[in-house]
């Protein structure tokens, strides 16, 4: 079973690349804010319980959007 996945940044319009960059910037800001807030207010569980699922689903959504091909 061979899957040829070739990601070339030139194949996506600039609008799509900017959208992904802004989305990942928001995700990074959210993760930073969650980590700071949980340390500041002494929440009784580790911040990675929130951050890891966020990043995992963001990676999944990004991978799906980059590998989607219209026919």
Protein backbone atom coordinates (compact mmCIF):
# COMPACT_ATOMS: atom_id res chain seq x y z
CA UNK A 1 0.00 0.00 0.00
CA UNK A 2 1.77 3.12 -1.22
CA UNK A 3 0.52 6.57 -0.45
CA UNK A 4 2.23 9.42 -2.17
CA UNK A 5 1.82 12.50 -0.04
CA UNK A 6 3.67 15.43 -1.48
CA UNK A 7 3.21 18.74 0.28
CA UNK A 8 4.43 21.69 -1.73
CA UNK A 9 3.73 25.10 -0.23
CA UNK A 10 3.39 26.53 -3.72
CA UNK A 11 0.34 24.39 -4.46
CA UNK A 12 -1.72 26.23 -1.85
CA UNK A 13 -2.92 29.80 -2.31
CA UNK A 14 -1.39 32.44 -0.06
CA UNK A 15 -4.80 32.87 1.60
CA UNK A 16 -4.74 29.24 2.81
CA UNK A 17 -1.16 29.52 4.08
CA UNK A 18 -2.01 32.71 5.99
CA UNK A 19 -5.13 31.10 7.45
CA UNK A 20 -3.10 28.14 8.75
CA UNK A 21 -0.39 30.43 10.14
CA UNK A 22 -2.92 32.60 11.98
CA UNK A 23 -4.77 29.53 13.26
CA UNK A 24 -1.56 27.99 14.63
CA UNK A 25 -0.64 31.36 16.20
CA UNK A 26 -3.97 31.35 18.05
CA UNK A 27 -3.38 27.77 19.18
CA UNK A 28 0.10 28.66 20.48
CA UNK A 29 -1.31 31.70 22.30
CA UNK A 30 -4.10 29.61 23.84
CA UNK A 31 -1.64 26.96 25.04
CA UNK A 32 0.62 29.60 26.58
CA UNK A 33 -2.32 31.30 28.28
CA UNK A 34 -3.66 27.99 29.64
CA UNK A 35 -0.24 27.04 31.03
CA UNK A 36 0.17 30.44 32.71
CA UNK A 37 -3.39 30.55 34.08
CA UNK A 38 -3.23 27.05 35.56
CA UNK A 39 0.07 27.83 37.28
CA UNK A 40 -1.14 31.24 38.46
CA UNK A 41 -4.39 29.98 40.00
CA UNK A 42 -3.07 26.60 41.19
CA UNK A 43 -5.49 24.38 39.31
CA UNK A 44 -5.18 20.83 40.72
CA UNK A 45 -4.25 19.07 37.45
CA UNK A 46 -1.48 19.42 34.90
CA UNK A 47 -1.93 21.87 31.99
CA UNK A 48 -0.92 19.21 29.47
CA UNK A 49 -4.35 17.61 29.98
CA UNK A 50 -5.71 20.60 28.05
CA UNK A 51 -2.80 21.42 25.76
CA UNK A 52 -2.08 17.94 24.34
CA UNK A 53 -5.62 17.31 22.99
CA UNK A 54 -5.68 20.84 21.56
CA UNK A 55 -2.45 20.31 19.65
CA UNK A 56 -3.41 16.78 18.57
CA UNK A 57 -6.72 17.88 17.08
CA UNK A 58 -5.06 20.91 15.47
CA UNK A 59 -2.48 18.61 13.86
CA UNK A 60 -5.24 16.31 12.63
CA UNK A 61 -7.23 19.21 11.18
CA UNK A 62 -4.12 20.65 9.53
CA UNK A 63 -3.12 17.30 8.05
CA UNK A 64 -6.61 16.71 6.71
CA UNK A 65 -6.80 20.16 5.16
CA UNK A 66 -3.35 19.91 3.55
CA UNK A 67 -3.88 16.43 2.12
CA UNK A 68 -7.41 17.06 0.83
CA UNK A 69 -7.57 17.03 -2.96
CA UNK A 70 -10.59 18.12 -4.93
CA UNK A 71 -11.30 16.13 -8.06
